[in-house]
């Protein structure tokens, strides 16, 4: 009986904790997230005040575009409309163009050393995200490597 009670208590605690984290994430506005991201970049890349202001401006533009696209996509989803393959291609193409433009802007703002470190940090973040995504999907097993004889 004690074990059942402990398992139930543990389950309730984990569920409550997970809900608390989700609510906390939703409370931040785009401006707050940009402010935090800019401060983190200032610490990581040792940005000066002028660079911080330019980075904030760029990040805020990106966040606003992302929010608008998210709302547009949600509206289409609510209407039950699925994008065609041509629309998906156009969206992905536009997204890649925007990423190229954003990288070019960051290259203008940052020094070569800062830009290199920023790229490294982005790649590290991408790999962590891919790893977490794979773990969530249950693909934690690595593909077996072929042995040469």
C-alpha atoms as a PDB file:
ATOM      1  CA  UNK A   1       0.000   0.000   0.000  1.00  0.00           C
ATOM      2  CA  UNK A   2       2.869   2.336   0.808  1.00  0.00           C
ATOM      3  CA  UNK A   3       4.401   1.725  -2.619  1.00  0.00           C
ATOM      4  CA  UNK A   4       1.147   2.567  -4.399  1.00  0.00           C
ATOM      5  CA  UNK A   5       0.822   5.760  -2.365  1.00  0.00           C
ATOM      6  CA  UNK A   6       4.428   6.768  -3.114  1.00  0.00           C
ATOM      7  CA  UNK A   7       4.015   6.099  -6.839  1.00  0.00           C
ATOM      8  CA  UNK A   8       0.798   8.148  -6.914  1.00  0.00           C
ATOM      9  CA  UNK A   9       2.458  10.977  -4.987  1.00  0.00           C
ATOM     10  CA  UNK A  10       5.451  10.929  -7.318  1.00  0.00           C
ATOM     11  CA  UNK A  11       3.183  10.984 -10.377  1.00  0.00           C
ATOM     12  CA  UNK A  12       1.206  13.966  -9.055  1.00  0.00           C
ATOM     13  CA  UNK A  13       4.428  15.829  -8.247  1.00  0.00           C
ATOM     14  CA  UNK A  14       5.922  15.264 -11.686  1.00  0.00           C
ATOM     15  CA  UNK A  15       2.687  16.260 -13.422  1.00  0.00           C
ATOM     16  CA  UNK A  16       2.416  19.441 -11.361  1.00  0.00           C
ATOM     17  CA  UNK A  17       6.051  20.320 -12.036  1.00  0.00           C
ATOM     18  CA  UNK A  18       5.649  19.800 -15.793  1.00  0.00           C
ATOM     19  CA  UNK A  19       2.533  21.971 -15.894  1.00  0.00           C
ATOM     20  CA  UNK A  20       4.303  24.690 -13.928  1.00  0.00           C
ATOM     21  CA  UNK A  21       7.173  24.802 -16.424  1.00  0.00           C
ATOM     22  CA  UNK A  22       4.760  25.015 -19.368  1.00  0.00           C
ATOM     23  CA  UNK A  23       2.834  27.885 -17.759  1.00  0.00           C
ATOM     24  CA  UNK A  24       6.064  29.718 -16.962  1.00  0.00           C
ATOM     25  CA  UNK A  25       7.182  29.542 -20.585  1.00  0.00           C
ATOM     26  CA  UNK A  26       3.868  30.910 -21.818  1.00  0.00           C
ATOM     27  CA  UNK A  27       4.016  33.927 -19.503  1.00  0.00           C
ATOM     28  CA  UNK A  28       6.970  35.546 -21.271  1.00  0.00           C
ATOM     29  CA  UNK A  29       6.190  38.049 -23.995  1.00  0.00           C
ATOM     30  CA  UNK A  30       8.199  38.271 -27.203  1.00  0.00           C
ATOM     31  CA  UNK A  31       9.943  41.377 -25.857  1.00  0.00           C
ATOM     32  CA  UNK A  32      10.891  39.599 -22.632  1.00  0.00           C
ATOM     33  CA  UNK A  33      12.264  36.600 -24.512  1.00  0.00           C
ATOM     34  CA  UNK A  34      14.273  38.921 -26.778  1.00  0.00           C
ATOM     35  CA  UNK A  35      15.652  40.785 -23.757  1.00  0.00           C
ATOM     36  CA  UNK A  36      16.766  37.529 -22.122  1.00  0.00           C
ATOM     37  CA  UNK A  37      18.260  36.207 -25.350  1.00  0.00           C
ATOM     38  CA  UNK A  38      20.170  39.468 -25.918  1.00  0.00           C
ATOM     39  CA  UNK A  39      21.575  39.381 -22.381  1.00  0.00           C
ATOM     40  CA  UNK A  40      22.655  35.777 -22.829  1.00  0.00           C
ATOM     41  CA  UNK A  41      24.362  36.709 -26.086  1.00  0.00           C
ATOM     42  CA  UNK A  42      26.057  39.649 -24.346  1.00  0.00           C
ATOM     43  CA  UNK A  43      27.473  37.258 -21.771  1.00  0.00           C
ATOM     44  CA  UNK A  44      28.447  34.538 -24.240  1.00  0.00           C
ATOM     45  CA  UNK A  45      29.872  36.779 -26.967  1.00  0.00           C
ATOM     46  CA  UNK A  46      31.024  39.793 -24.909  1.00  0.00           C
ATOM     47  CA  UNK A  47      28.936  42.261 -26.931  1.00  0.00           C
ATOM     48  CA  UNK A  48      29.219  46.019 -26.498  1.00  0.00           C
ATOM     49  CA  UNK A  49      26.154  48.218 -25.909  1.00  0.00           C
ATOM     50  CA  UNK A  50      25.802  49.185 -29.579  1.00  0.00           C
ATOM     51  CA  UNK A  51      25.884  45.519 -30.624  1.00  0.00           C
ATOM     52  CA  UNK A  52      23.331  44.619 -27.947  1.00  0.00           C
ATOM     53  CA  UNK A  53      20.931  47.285 -29.235  1.00  0.00           C
ATOM     54  CA  UNK A  54      21.302  46.073 -32.841  1.00  0.00           C
ATOM     55  CA  UNK A  55      20.905  42.427 -31.825  1.00  0.00           C
ATOM     56  CA  UNK A  56      17.778  43.256 -29.814  1.00  0.00           C
ATOM     57  CA  UNK A  57      16.280  45.047 -32.814  1.00  0.00           C
ATOM     58  CA  UNK A  58      17.024  42.080 -35.095  1.00  0.00           C
ATOM     59  CA  UNK A  59      15.742  39.514 -32.590  1.00  0.00           C
ATOM     60  CA  UNK A  60      12.556  41.512 -31.994  1.00  0.00           C
ATOM     61  CA  UNK A  61      11.864  41.668 -35.747  1.00  0.00           C
ATOM     62  CA  UNK A  62      12.387  37.909 -35.974  1.00  0.00           C
ATOM     63  CA  UNK A  63      10.101  37.269 -32.999  1.00  0.00           C
ATOM     64  CA  UNK A  64       7.345  39.451 -34.436  1.00  0.00           C
ATOM     65  CA  UNK A  65       7.549  37.701 -37.821  1.00  0.00           C
ATOM     66  CA  UNK A  66       7.491  34.325 -36.079  1.00  0.00           C
ATOM     67  CA  UNK A  67       4.424  35.264 -34.020  1.00  0.00           C
ATOM     68  CA  UNK A  68       2.594  36.517 -37.138  1.00  0.00           C
ATOM     69  CA  UNK A  69       3.391  33.322 -39.042  1.00  0.00           C
ATOM     70  CA  UNK A  70       2.343  31.237 -36.069  1.00  0.00           C
ATOM     71  CA  UNK A  71      -1.016  33.041 -35.880  1.00  0.00           C
ATOM     72  CA  UNK A  72      -1.518  32.699 -39.643  1.00  0.00           C
ATOM     73  CA  UNK A  73      -0.696  29.002 -39.554  1.00  0.00           C
ATOM     74  CA  UNK A  74      -2.999  28.447 -36.556  1.00  0.00           C
ATOM     75  CA  UNK A  75      -5.859  30.245 -38.342  1.00  0.00           C
ATOM     76  CA  UNK A  76      -5.458  27.995 -41.375  1.00  0.00           C
ATOM     77  CA  UNK A  77      -5.289  24.961 -39.123  1.00  0.00           C
ATOM     78  CA  UNK A  78      -8.467  26.023 -37.312  1.00  0.00           C
ATOM     79  CA  UNK A  79     -10.231  26.366 -40.664  1.00  0.00           C
ATOM     80  CA  UNK A  80      -9.186  22.824 -41.482  1.00  0.00           C
ATOM     81  CA  UNK A  81      -7.121  23.878 -44.487  1.00  0.00           C
ATOM     82  CA  UNK A  82      -3.975  21.913 -45.135  1.00  0.00           C
ATOM     83  CA  UNK A  83      -1.244  23.526 -47.215  1.00  0.00           C
ATOM     84  CA  UNK A  84      -0.535  22.096 -50.640  1.00  0.00           C
ATOM     85  CA  UNK A  85       2.909  20.819 -51.547  1.00  0.00           C
ATOM     86  CA  UNK A  86       3.551  24.033 -53.510  1.00  0.00           C
ATOM     87  CA  UNK A  87       2.606  26.141 -50.484  1.00  0.00           C
ATOM     88  CA  UNK A  88       4.863  24.054 -48.241  1.00  0.00           C
ATOM     89  CA  UNK A  89       7.717  24.482 -50.715  1.00  0.00           C
ATOM     90  CA  UNK A  90       7.135  28.250 -50.836  1.00  0.00           C
ATOM     91  CA  UNK A  91       7.033  28.501 -47.024  1.00  0.00           C
ATOM     92  CA  UNK A  92      10.228  26.497 -46.586  1.00  0.00           C
ATOM     93  CA  UNK A  93      11.963  28.473 -49.333  1.00  0.00           C
ATOM     94  CA  UNK A  94      10.929  31.776 -47.725  1.00  0.00           C
ATOM     95  CA  UNK A  95      12.053  30.538 -44.315  1.00  0.00           C
ATOM     96  CA  UNK A  96      15.488  29.624 -45.670  1.00  0.00           C
ATOM     97  CA  UNK A  97      15.798  33.015 -47.384  1.00  0.00           C
ATOM     98  CA  UNK A  98      15.001  34.724 -44.080  1.00  0.00           C
ATOM     99  CA  UNK A  99      17.582  32.593 -42.266  1.00  0.00           C
ATOM    100  CA  UNK A 100      20.219  33.582 -44.827  1.00  0.00           C
ATOM    101  CA  UNK A 101      19.296  37.260 -44.405  1.00  0.00           C
ATOM    102  CA  UNK A 102      19.407  36.950 -40.586  1.00  0.00           C
ATOM    103  CA  UNK A 103      22.846  35.339 -40.702  1.00  0.00           C
ATOM    104  CA  UNK A 104      24.067  38.148 -42.952  1.00  0.00           C
ATOM    105  CA  UNK A 105      22.723  40.736 -40.501  1.00  0.00           C
ATOM    106  CA  UNK A 106      24.409  38.998 -37.570  1.00  0.00           C
ATOM    107  CA  UNK A 107      27.647  38.920 -39.543  1.00  0.00           C
ATOM    108  CA  UNK A 108      27.395  42.715 -39.951  1.00  0.00           C
ATOM    109  CA  UNK A 109      26.733  43.263 -36.243  1.00  0.00           C
ATOM    110  CA  UNK A 110      29.300  40.871 -34.756  1.00  0.00           C
ATOM    111  CA  UNK A 111      33.061  40.790 -35.046  1.00  0.00           C
ATOM    112  CA  UNK A 112      34.522  37.746 -36.861  1.00  0.00           C
ATOM    113  CA  UNK A 113      35.445  36.091 -33.541  1.00  0.00           C
ATOM    114  CA  UNK A 114      31.995  36.744 -32.073  1.00  0.00           C
ATOM    115  CA  UNK A 115      30.314  35.488 -35.226  1.00  0.00           C
ATOM    116  CA  UNK A 116      32.342  32.269 -35.127  1.00  0.00           C
ATOM    117  CA  UNK A 117      31.369  31.665 -31.503  1.00  0.00           C
ATOM    118  CA  UNK A 118      27.729  32.513 -32.286  1.00  0.00           C
ATOM    119  CA  UNK A 119      27.739  29.917 -35.093  1.00  0.00           C
ATOM    120  CA  UNK A 120      29.272  27.319 -32.755  1.00  0.00           C
ATOM    121  CA  UNK A 121      26.633  28.044 -30.110  1.00  0.00           C
ATOM    122  CA  UNK A 122      23.854  27.711 -32.707  1.00  0.00           C
ATOM    123  CA  UNK A 123      25.193  24.365 -33.948  1.00  0.00           C
ATOM    124  CA  UNK A 124      25.479  23.095 -30.387  1.00  0.00           C
ATOM    125  CA  UNK A 125      21.896  24.168 -29.690  1.00  0.00           C
ATOM    126  CA  UNK A 126      20.665  22.471 -32.855  1.00  0.00           C
ATOM    127  CA  UNK A 127      22.339  19.206 -31.939  1.00  0.00           C
ATOM    128  CA  UNK A 128      20.873  19.323 -28.426  1.00  0.00           C
ATOM    129  CA  UNK A 129      17.421  19.972 -29.869  1.00  0.00           C
ATOM    130  CA  UNK A 130      17.733  17.082 -32.309  1.00  0.00           C
ATOM    131  CA  UNK A 131      18.827  14.810 -29.497  1.00  0.00           C
ATOM    132  CA  UNK A 132      15.862  15.810 -27.308  1.00  0.00           C
ATOM    133  CA  UNK A 133      13.472  15.396 -30.229  1.00  0.00           C
ATOM    134  CA  UNK A 134      14.826  11.912 -30.933  1.00  0.00           C
ATOM    135  CA  UNK A 135      14.483  10.985 -27.251  1.00  0.00           C
ATOM    136  CA  UNK A 136      10.875  12.159 -27.216  1.00  0.00           C
ATOM    137  CA  UNK A 137      10.091  10.131 -30.302  1.00  0.00           C
ATOM    138  CA  UNK A 138      11.629   7.066 -28.701  1.00  0.00           C
ATOM    139  CA  UNK A 139      14.524   6.833 -31.132  1.00  0.00           C
ATOM    140  CA  UNK A 140      17.142   6.638 -28.416  1.00  0.00           C
ATOM    141  CA  UNK A 141      18.815   3.661 -30.021  1.00  0.00           C
ATOM    142  CA  UNK A 142      21.709   4.564 -32.237  1.00  0.00           C
ATOM    143  CA  UNK A 143      22.017   2.951 -35.607  1.00  0.00           C
ATOM    144  CA  UNK A 144      24.427   0.016 -35.491  1.00  0.00           C
ATOM    145  CA  UNK A 145      27.701   0.616 -37.226  1.00  0.00           C
ATOM    146  CA  UNK A 146      28.996  -1.889 -39.727  1.00  0.00           C
ATOM    147  CA  UNK A 147      32.240  -3.510 -38.763  1.00  0.00           C
ATOM    148  CA  UNK A 148      34.887  -3.940 -41.387  1.00  0.00           C
ATOM    149  CA  UNK A 149      36.570  -7.322 -41.565  1.00  0.00           C
END
